């Protein structure tokens, strides 16, 4: 117990050990307070302290047995027994003190045990209540365990179903992965095709831009050709009018000359002999025949040129509406080729190297003579021809009749020849 020395029965078998185990210190107990442990123990008069008593007891018993006589021996023996008696009395007193101490300790232990018993009883009641509560909790937990077992069984069945569904889904996932790989490959193919389409679209956009440029230039050329065609029609109309007038004038002059040759009696004989001659009449007829020989090929040639120009315009329009070949097959040389018929349009203002003017006759322009078949221009005399002074008055009268009604050419520089519009530089070659 706390605050007390633990004494065991075996500790008092030896008297020396019993004496040594005595503790004269004041002890403090919860109930009795402070007290002297050896209050009832009295030391002998010759011993001042317990240590002196212990030292006396340890002296040898046969210290006074050296005397040989019997009286001395008996006296010593009696003294020895007295000493032993004193020593035993001291031990008895010591044991009584120890017994009293133990009794007091037992009483204290009884009180403490009673207090502890009450505490332990209360603790036991509390533990019993806790035990009952724990039992109730155990019952509740058992019920919960049963419920959890049922739920575990349900979850196990659900898990089995989920595993079956998962196996099905895993197979579906494998199929989906295969389809995904297939779709990925198809997507890559489509990406490559789309890339090719983009490149083709870029090429087509360039072709469309070049085609738009060509179409624009050909539209300008067509407009120029239409304008030249209208001018050509007006010129042809004037040229045909001049030819008809020339033909009518020539026919009238030929008839008049034939009438004059058939009726010589209406004119004086001397005058007829002087003025009429077979040579001038043959020259006039020859000149007229040469003029018609020159005019007829020109008329046929211009008619053919009109037909060729019209067919070329139709071909150009048809080629613009429906191209004969794909855009990718057209080479850069074909893009830069001139339009068919443009060279014909450029010769409208100067066909066959002759200086035509709209509304004028080709044979009556300055620098050309009716009777000149060599192609070299002849010089004309300025001024009005006079038939009286001319050696050939008949020819002079024919020329005067032919020149009548034809507008004269304005003096000054000749008009500039109209050139066809340029098609523009090619985008590929830059020419």
Protein backbone atom coordinates (compact mmCIF):
# COMPACT_ATOMS: atom_id res chain seq x y z
CA UNK A 1 0.00 0.00 0.00
CA UNK A 2 1.26 3.53 -0.65
CA UNK A 3 3.00 5.16 2.31
CA UNK A 4 3.59 1.84 4.16
CA UNK A 5 6.46 -0.62 4.26
CA UNK A 6 5.54 -4.04 2.91
CA UNK A 7 6.24 -6.51 5.76
CA UNK A 8 6.30 -10.19 5.00
CA UNK A 9 6.15 -13.05 7.63
CA UNK A 10 9.50 -14.44 6.53
CA UNK A 11 11.20 -11.17 7.33
CA UNK A 12 10.83 -11.76 11.12
CA UNK A 13 12.44 -15.22 11.30
CA UNK A 14 15.76 -13.69 12.11
CA UNK A 15 15.83 -11.39 15.06
CA UNK A 16 18.61 -9.29 13.61
CA UNK A 17 16.67 -8.80 10.43
CA UNK A 18 13.57 -7.95 12.50
CA UNK A 19 15.50 -5.35 14.40
CA UNK A 20 17.05 -3.99 11.25
CA UNK A 21 13.67 -3.75 9.55
CA UNK A 22 12.28 -1.45 12.20
CA UNK A 23 11.51 1.98 10.92
CA UNK A 24 11.23 4.67 13.55
CA UNK A 25 10.40 7.41 11.01
CA UNK A 26 7.09 9.10 11.43
CA UNK A 27 4.60 8.05 8.85
CA UNK A 28 1.48 9.83 7.62
CA UNK A 29 -1.66 7.87 6.92
CA UNK A 30 -4.92 9.22 5.44
CA UNK A 31 -6.99 8.22 8.55
CA UNK A 32 -4.80 8.16 11.66
CA UNK A 33 -2.59 11.11 10.93
CA UNK A 34 0.97 11.36 12.28
CA UNK A 35 2.07 8.83 14.94
CA UNK A 36 5.21 7.12 16.25
CA UNK A 37 5.62 3.64 14.95
CA UNK A 38 7.55 2.31 18.05
CA UNK A 39 5.53 4.17 20.65
CA UNK A 40 5.14 1.13 22.97
CA UNK A 41 8.74 -0.09 22.68
CA UNK A 42 11.08 0.74 25.63
CA UNK A 43 14.86 0.40 25.44
CA UNK A 44 16.93 -0.98 28.37
CA UNK A 45 18.60 1.53 30.65
CA UNK A 46 22.10 0.58 29.53
CA UNK A 47 21.15 1.17 25.88
CA UNK A 48 20.70 4.68 24.72
CA UNK A 49 19.49 3.78 21.27
CA UNK A 50 18.39 0.87 19.18
CA UNK A 51 21.81 0.64 17.67
CA UNK A 52 23.36 0.15 21.12
CA UNK A 53 20.81 -2.54 21.81
CA UNK A 54 21.64 -4.29 18.56
CA UNK A 55 25.31 -4.05 19.29
CA UNK A 56 24.78 -5.54 22.76
CA UNK A 57 22.77 -8.40 21.38
CA UNK A 58 25.49 -9.22 18.90
CA UNK A 59 28.14 -9.76 21.57
CA UNK A 60 29.20 -13.43 22.02
CA UNK A 61 27.38 -15.33 24.74
CA UNK A 62 30.47 -17.21 26.00
CA UNK A 63 32.52 -14.09 26.68
CA UNK A 64 32.37 -14.68 30.50
CA UNK A 65 32.80 -18.50 30.34
CA UNK A 66 36.50 -18.42 30.81
CA UNK A 67 36.22 -18.79 34.58
CA UNK A 68 36.63 -22.39 35.62
CA UNK A 69 34.84 -22.54 38.88
CA UNK A 70 31.29 -23.64 38.95
CA UNK A 71 29.84 -20.68 40.78
CA UNK A 72 31.24 -18.33 38.34
CA UNK A 73 29.92 -20.55 35.61
CA UNK A 74 26.46 -20.65 37.11
CA UNK A 75 26.51 -16.95 37.71
CA UNK A 76 27.56 -16.38 34.23
CA UNK A 77 25.00 -18.84 33.06
CA UNK A 78 22.28 -17.09 35.00
CA UNK A 79 23.47 -13.80 33.68
CA UNK A 80 23.37 -15.24 30.21
CA UNK A 81 19.84 -16.45 30.74
CA UNK A 82 18.88 -13.03 31.96
CA UNK A 83 20.45 -11.48 28.95
CA UNK A 84 18.59 -13.91 26.76
CA UNK A 85 15.43 -13.14 28.64
CA UNK A 86 15.95 -9.44 28.16
CA UNK A 87 16.71 -10.01 24.58
CA UNK A 88 13.62 -12.15 24.18
CA UNK A 89 11.56 -9.58 26.05
CA UNK A 90 12.86 -6.94 23.71
CA UNK A 91 11.95 -9.10 20.77
CA UNK A 92 8.47 -9.72 22.25
CA UNK A 93 7.96 -6.01 22.72
CA UNK A 94 9.14 -5.48 19.20
CA UNK A 95 6.77 -8.10 17.90
CA UNK A 96 3.91 -6.59 19.85
CA UNK A 97 4.67 -3.26 18.34
CA UNK A 98 4.75 -4.86 14.94
CA UNK A 99 1.49 -6.66 15.64
CA UNK A 100 -0.16 -3.43 16.71
CA UNK A 101 1.17 -1.81 13.59
CA UNK A 102 -0.18 -4.61 11.49
CA UNK A 103 -3.54 -4.43 13.23
CA UNK A 104 -3.76 -0.77 12.53
CA UNK A 105 -2.76 -1.38 8.95
CA UNK A 106 -5.41 -4.08 8.72
CA UNK A 107 -8.01 -1.71 10.06
CA UNK A 108 -6.93 0.92 7.60
CA UNK A 109 -6.96 -1.68 4.88
CA UNK A 110 -10.46 -2.75 5.92
CA UNK A 111 -11.72 0.83 5.78
CA UNK A 112 -9.99 1.37 2.50
CA UNK A 113 -11.26 -1.93 1.17
CA UNK A 114 -14.80 -1.01 2.22
CA UNK A 115 -14.47 2.30 0.45
CA UNK A 116 -12.93 0.57 -2.50
CA UNK A 117 -15.66 -2.08 -2.39
CA UNK A 118 -18.32 0.61 -2.59
CA UNK A 119 -16.45 2.19 -5.42
CA UNK A 120 -16.03 -1.15 -7.12
CA UNK A 121 -19.72 -1.91 -6.54
CA UNK A 122 -20.66 1.37 -8.16
CA UNK A 123 -18.16 0.67 -10.87
CA UNK A 124 -19.66 -2.81 -11.24
CA UNK A 125 -23.17 -1.35 -11.55
CA UNK A 126 -21.92 1.12 -14.08
CA UNK A 127 -20.10 -1.62 -15.95
CA UNK A 128 -23.25 -3.78 -15.79
CA UNK A 129 -25.28 -0.95 -17.28
CA UNK A 130 -22.60 -0.44 -19.91
CA UNK A 131 -22.57 -4.19 -20.49
CA UNK A 132 -26.34 -4.23 -20.98
CA UNK A 133 -26.05 -1.24 -23.30
CA UNK A 134 -23.29 -3.01 -25.16
CA UNK A 135 -25.41 -6.14 -25.37
CA UNK A 136 -28.23 -4.08 -26.79
CA UNK A 137 -25.78 -2.58 -29.23
CA UNK A 138 -24.53 -6.06 -30.04
CA UNK A 139 -28.11 -7.16 -30.75
CA UNK A 140 -28.59 -4.09 -32.90
CA UNK A 141 -25.30 -4.77 -34.63
CA UNK A 142 -26.36 -8.38 -35.21
CA UNK A 143 -29.55 -7.14 -36.82
CA UNK A 144 -27.49 -4.67 -38.83
CA UNK A 145 -25.14 -7.48 -39.81
CA UNK A 146 -28.12 -9.55 -40.98
CA UNK A 147 -29.39 -6.59 -42.98
CA UNK A 148 -25.91 -6.03 -44.34
CA UNK A 149 -25.67 -9.71 -45.24
CA UNK A 150 -28.95 -9.42 -47.14
CA UNK A 151 -27.69 -6.26 -48.81
CA UNK A 152 -24.38 -8.00 -49.54
CA UNK A 153 -26.29 -10.85 -51.17
CA UNK A 154 -28.25 -8.35 -53.23
CA UNK A 155 -25.08 -6.48 -54.11
CA UNK A 156 -23.41 -9.74 -55.03
CA UNK A 157 -26.28 -10.62 -57.35
CA UNK A 158 -26.18 -7.10 -58.73
CA UNK A 159 -22.42 -7.41 -59.15
CA UNK A 160 -22.89 -10.66 -61.02
CA UNK A 161 -25.37 -8.91 -63.30
CA UNK A 162 -23.04 -5.97 -63.69
CA UNK A 163 -20.17 -8.30 -64.55
CA UNK A 164 -22.32 -9.98 -67.17
CA UNK A 165 -23.31 -6.58 -68.56
CA UNK A 166 -19.67 -5.48 -68.32
CA UNK A 167 -18.57 -8.50 -70.31
CA UNK A 168 -21.18 -7.65 -72.94
CA UNK A 169 -20.12 -4.00 -72.85
CA UNK A 170 -16.46 -5.01 -73.11
CA UNK A 171 -17.28 -6.96 -76.27
CA UNK A 172 -19.22 -3.96 -77.53
CA UNK A 173 -16.27 -1.74 -76.61
CA UNK A 174 -13.95 -3.98 -78.62
CA UNK A 175 -16.31 -3.74 -81.59
CA UNK A 176 -16.49 0.02 -81.12
CA UNK A 177 -12.71 0.24 -80.95
CA UNK A 178 -12.46 -1.68 -84.20
CA UNK A 179 -15.06 0.61 -85.76
CA UNK A 180 -13.18 3.60 -84.36
CA UNK A 181 -9.95 2.40 -85.94
CA UNK A 182 -11.78 1.86 -89.23
CA UNK A 183 -13.35 5.31 -89.02
CA UNK A 184 -9.95 6.79 -88.13
CA UNK A 185 -8.44 5.21 -91.24
CA UNK A 186 -11.37 6.46 -93.33
CA UNK A 187 -10.95 9.88 -91.74
CA UNK A 188 -7.28 9.90 -92.73
CA UNK A 189 -8.26 8.93 -96.29
CA UNK A 190 -10.87 11.68 -96.33
CA UNK A 191 -8.31 14.14 -94.99
CA UNK A 192 -5.91 13.22 -97.79
CA UNK A 193 -8.74 13.50 -100.34
CA UNK A 194 -9.77 16.81 -98.83
CA UNK A 195 -6.16 18.02 -99.09
CA UNK A 196 -6.08 16.97 -102.73
CA UNK A 197 -9.43 18.69 -103.26
CA UNK A 198 -8.04 21.86 -101.69
CA UNK A 199 -5.04 21.71 -104.02
CA UNK A 200 -7.35 21.07 -106.97
CA UNK A 201 -9.59 23.90 -105.81
CA UNK A 202 -6.59 26.21 -105.64
CA UNK A 203 -5.58 25.16 -109.16
CA UNK A 204 -9.17 25.59 -110.34
CA UNK A 205 -9.34 29.05 -108.75
CA UNK A 206 -6.16 29.98 -110.63
CA UNK A 207 -7.67 28.54 -113.85
CA UNK A 208 -10.90 30.41 -113.21
CA UNK A 209 -8.96 33.64 -112.65
CA UNK A 210 -6.99 33.08 -115.86
CA UNK A 211 -10.17 32.11 -117.71
CA UNK A 212 -11.90 35.23 -116.39
CA UNK A 213 -9.02 37.31 -117.70
CA UNK A 214 -9.17 35.55 -121.07
CA UNK A 215 -12.97 35.90 -121.19
CA UNK A 216 -12.63 39.59 -120.40
CA UNK A 217 -10.07 40.05 -123.18
CA UNK A 218 -12.18 38.00 -125.58
CA UNK A 219 -15.26 40.00 -124.64
CA UNK A 220 -13.33 43.14 -125.51
CA UNK A 221 -12.22 41.51 -128.74
CA UNK A 222 -15.79 40.46 -129.53
CA UNK A 223 -17.00 43.98 -128.85
CA UNK A 224 -14.26 45.29 -131.14
CA UNK A 225 -15.25 42.70 -133.78
CA UNK A 226 -18.90 43.67 -133.48
CA UNK A 227 -17.94 47.32 -133.82
CA UNK A 228 -15.74 46.47 -136.84
CA UNK A 229 -18.58 44.36 -138.23
CA UNK A 230 -20.96 47.30 -138.01
CA UNK A 231 -18.36 49.52 -139.65
CA UNK A 232 -17.80 46.80 -142.26
CA UNK A 233 -21.52 46.59 -142.96
CA UNK A 234 -21.74 50.37 -143.37
CA UNK A 235 -18.63 50.34 -145.58
CA UNK A 236 -19.99 47.41 -147.59
CA UNK A 237 -23.28 49.21 -148.00
CA UNK A 238 -21.48 52.34 -149.26
CA UNK A 239 -19.15 50.24 -151.40
CA UNK A 240 -22.10 48.38 -152.94
CA UNK A 241 -23.87 51.68 -153.50
CA UNK A 242 -20.77 53.10 -155.24
CA UNK A 243 -20.42 49.94 -157.35
CA UNK A 244 -24.07 50.13 -158.38
CA UNK A 245 -23.73 53.80 -159.22
CA UNK A 246 -20.54 53.07 -161.17
CA UNK A 247 -22.23 50.21 -162.95
CA UNK A 248 -25.21 52.40 -163.85
CA UNK A 249 -22.94 55.23 -164.96
CA UNK A 250 -20.83 52.85 -167.02
CA UNK A 251 -23.87 51.28 -168.63
CA UNK A 252 -25.29 54.74 -169.41
CA UNK A 253 -22.03 55.92 -170.92
CA UNK A 254 -21.64 52.76 -172.96
CA UNK A 255 -25.19 53.13 -174.30
CA UNK A 256 -24.64 56.77 -175.08
CA UNK A 257 -21.41 56.00 -176.93
CA UNK A 258 -23.08 53.24 -178.90
CA UNK A 259 -25.87 55.61 -179.83
CA UNK A 260 -23.37 58.21 -180.94
CA UNK A 261 -21.54 55.66 -183.06
CA UNK A 262 -24.79 54.47 -184.63
CA UNK A 263 -26.05 57.97 -185.44
CA UNK A 264 -23.19 59.79 -187.09
CA UNK A 265 -25.57 61.93 -189.21
CA UNK A 266 -26.72 63.87 -186.13
CA UNK A 267 -23.23 65.23 -185.71
CA UNK A 268 -21.26 67.04 -188.36
CA UNK A 269 -19.23 64.82 -190.64
CA UNK A 270 -16.12 66.79 -190.07
CA UNK A 271 -16.64 66.71 -186.33
CA UNK A 272 -17.36 63.00 -186.39
CA UNK A 273 -14.28 62.38 -188.41
CA UNK A 274 -12.26 64.46 -186.03
CA UNK A 275 -13.70 63.31 -182.74
CA UNK A 276 -14.86 59.75 -183.31
CA UNK A 277 -12.30 57.05 -183.77
CA UNK A 278 -12.22 53.31 -183.36
CA UNK A 279 -9.24 53.54 -181.04
CA UNK A 280 -10.89 55.70 -178.38
CA UNK A 281 -14.00 53.54 -178.42
CA UNK A 282 -11.95 50.37 -178.04
CA UNK A 283 -9.89 51.99 -175.29
CA UNK A 284 -12.98 53.01 -173.35
CA UNK A 285 -14.48 49.55 -173.62
CA UNK A 286 -11.21 47.97 -172.66
CA UNK A 287 -10.90 50.32 -169.69
CA UNK A 288 -14.41 49.52 -168.51
CA UNK A 289 -13.78 45.79 -168.87
CA UNK A 290 -10.62 46.08 -166.87
CA UNK A 291 -12.49 48.03 -164.16
CA UNK A 292 -15.14 45.33 -163.86
CA UNK A 293 -12.42 42.67 -163.88
CA UNK A 294 -10.83 44.44 -160.92
CA UNK A 295 -14.11 45.02 -159.07
CA UNK A 296 -15.53 41.50 -159.35
CA UNK A 297 -12.67 39.68 -157.50
CA UNK A 298 -12.69 42.37 -154.83
CA UNK A 299 -16.44 41.95 -154.31
CA UNK A 300 -16.15 38.16 -154.13
CA UNK A 301 -13.15 38.39 -151.81
CA UNK A 302 -14.93 40.79 -149.44
CA UNK A 303 -18.04 38.58 -149.45
CA UNK A 304 -15.91 35.58 -148.48
CA UNK A 305 -14.23 37.63 -145.79
CA UNK A 306 -17.62 38.65 -144.38
CA UNK A 307 -18.70 35.04 -144.18
CA UNK A 308 -15.39 33.98 -142.57
CA UNK A 309 -15.60 36.81 -140.03
CA UNK A 310 -19.18 35.83 -139.09
CA UNK A 311 -18.24 32.16 -138.72
CA UNK A 312 -15.22 33.12 -136.61
CA UNK A 313 -17.38 35.26 -134.30
CA UNK A 314 -19.82 32.37 -133.90
CA UNK A 315 -16.94 29.98 -133.16
CA UNK A 316 -15.53 32.34 -130.52
CA UNK A 317 -18.91 32.75 -128.84
CA UNK A 318 -19.49 28.99 -128.86
CA UNK A 319 -16.02 28.37 -127.37
CA UNK A 320 -16.76 30.86 -124.58
CA UNK A 321 -20.10 29.20 -123.73
CA UNK A 322 -18.86 25.58 -123.87
CA UNK A 323 -15.07 25.09 -123.69
CA UNK A 324 -13.95 22.23 -125.96
CA UNK A 325 -11.57 20.77 -123.32
CA UNK A 326 -11.17 20.81 -119.51
CA UNK A 327 -9.37 23.76 -117.99
CA UNK A 328 -6.54 21.62 -116.71
CA UNK A 329 -5.80 20.38 -120.29
CA UNK A 330 -5.38 23.89 -121.75
CA UNK A 331 -1.71 24.79 -122.05
CA UNK A 332 -0.17 28.20 -121.52
CA UNK A 333 0.42 28.52 -125.30
CA UNK A 334 -3.27 27.97 -125.98
CA UNK A 335 -4.21 30.64 -123.41
CA UNK A 336 -1.95 33.13 -125.19
CA UNK A 337 -3.13 32.26 -128.76
CA UNK A 338 -4.77 35.19 -130.59
CA UNK A 339 -8.47 34.97 -131.39
CA UNK A 340 -9.32 33.51 -134.76
CA UNK A 341 -10.57 36.24 -137.08
CA UNK A 342 -8.69 39.08 -135.42
CA UNK A 343 -6.32 39.26 -138.39
CA UNK A 344 -9.36 39.47 -140.67
CA UNK A 345 -10.75 42.30 -138.60
CA UNK A 346 -7.43 44.13 -138.84
CA UNK A 347 -7.67 44.07 -142.66
CA UNK A 348 -11.05 45.77 -142.76
CA UNK A 349 -9.40 49.14 -143.00
CA UNK A 350 -6.83 47.96 -145.58
CA UNK A 351 -7.84 44.84 -147.56
CA UNK A 352 -5.42 43.86 -150.33
CA UNK A 353 -3.27 46.89 -149.59
CA UNK A 354 -5.77 49.31 -151.17
CA UNK A 355 -6.64 52.61 -149.55
CA UNK A 356 -10.39 52.22 -149.04
CA UNK A 357 -12.59 54.71 -147.32
CA UNK A 358 -16.13 54.06 -146.20
CA UNK A 359 -18.50 55.28 -148.90
CA UNK A 360 -15.81 55.60 -151.61
CA UNK A 361 -15.12 53.48 -154.66
CA UNK A 362 -11.84 51.57 -154.50
CA UNK A 363 -10.89 52.43 -158.07
CA UNK A 364 -11.68 56.10 -157.81
CA UNK A 365 -9.53 57.01 -154.84
CA UNK A 366 -6.70 59.41 -155.43
CA UNK A 367 -3.57 57.70 -156.66
CA UNK A 368 -5.29 55.00 -158.75
CA UNK A 369 -6.50 55.13 -162.31
CA UNK A 370 -9.32 53.21 -163.89
CA UNK A 371 -7.28 51.99 -166.77
CA UNK A 372 -4.20 51.15 -164.70
CA UNK A 373 -3.90 47.39 -164.34
CA UNK A 374 -0.25 47.27 -163.29
CA UNK A 375 -0.95 48.22 -159.67
CA UNK A 376 1.40 51.23 -159.65
CA UNK A 377 -0.36 54.54 -158.93
CA UNK A 378 -0.41 57.17 -161.67
CA UNK A 379 -0.17 60.87 -161.19
CA UNK A 380 -3.36 62.79 -161.75
CA UNK A 381 -3.53 66.30 -163.05
CA UNK A 382 -5.00 68.72 -160.67
CA UNK A 383 -7.91 70.84 -161.66
CA UNK A 384 -11.00 70.23 -163.72
CA UNK A 385 -10.45 68.28 -166.96
CA UNK A 386 -11.42 70.15 -170.12
CA UNK A 387 -12.69 68.07 -172.96
CA UNK A 388 -11.97 70.63 -175.67
CA UNK A 389 -8.25 70.65 -175.00
CA UNK A 390 -7.93 66.91 -174.36
CA UNK A 391 -6.83 64.68 -177.14
CA UNK A 392 -9.45 62.16 -176.05
CA UNK A 393 -12.62 64.07 -175.16
CA UNK A 394 -14.74 60.95 -174.91
CA UNK A 395 -12.58 59.48 -172.17
CA UNK A 396 -12.58 62.82 -170.38
CA UNK A 397 -16.35 62.95 -170.48
CA UNK A 398 -16.55 59.40 -169.11
CA UNK A 399 -14.25 60.31 -166.24
CA UNK A 400 -16.24 63.46 -165.53
CA UNK A 401 -19.44 61.43 -165.51
CA UNK A 402 -17.94 58.84 -163.22
CA UNK A 403 -16.58 61.46 -160.83
CA UNK A 404 -19.86 63.30 -160.61
CA UNK A 405 -21.82 62.54 -157.45
CA UNK A 406 -18.83 61.00 -155.59
CA UNK A 407 -17.76 62.94 -152.49
CA UNK A 408 -14.26 64.25 -152.67
CA UNK A 409 -11.67 63.26 -150.13
CA UNK A 410 -10.74 65.87 -147.60
CA UNK A 411 -7.28 67.29 -147.94
CA UNK A 412 -4.66 66.78 -145.27
CA UNK A 413 -3.22 63.71 -143.65
CA UNK A 414 -4.87 60.39 -144.45
CA UNK A 415 -6.85 58.79 -141.60
CA UNK A 416 -4.97 56.44 -139.30
CA UNK A 417 -5.56 52.75 -139.66
CA UNK A 418 -7.52 51.24 -136.74
CA UNK A 419 -5.72 48.44 -134.98
CA UNK A 420 -7.49 45.59 -133.12
CA UNK A 421 -7.32 45.81 -129.31
CA UNK A 422 -4.46 43.95 -127.62
CA UNK A 423 -5.32 40.76 -125.76
CA UNK A 424 -3.04 41.62 -122.85
CA UNK A 425 0.00 39.78 -121.42
CA UNK A 426 -0.26 36.11 -120.58
CA UNK A 427 -0.16 35.25 -116.85
CA UNK A 428 2.08 32.21 -117.27
CA UNK A 429 4.68 33.51 -119.74
CA UNK A 430 4.27 37.26 -119.14
CA UNK A 431 4.41 37.94 -122.90
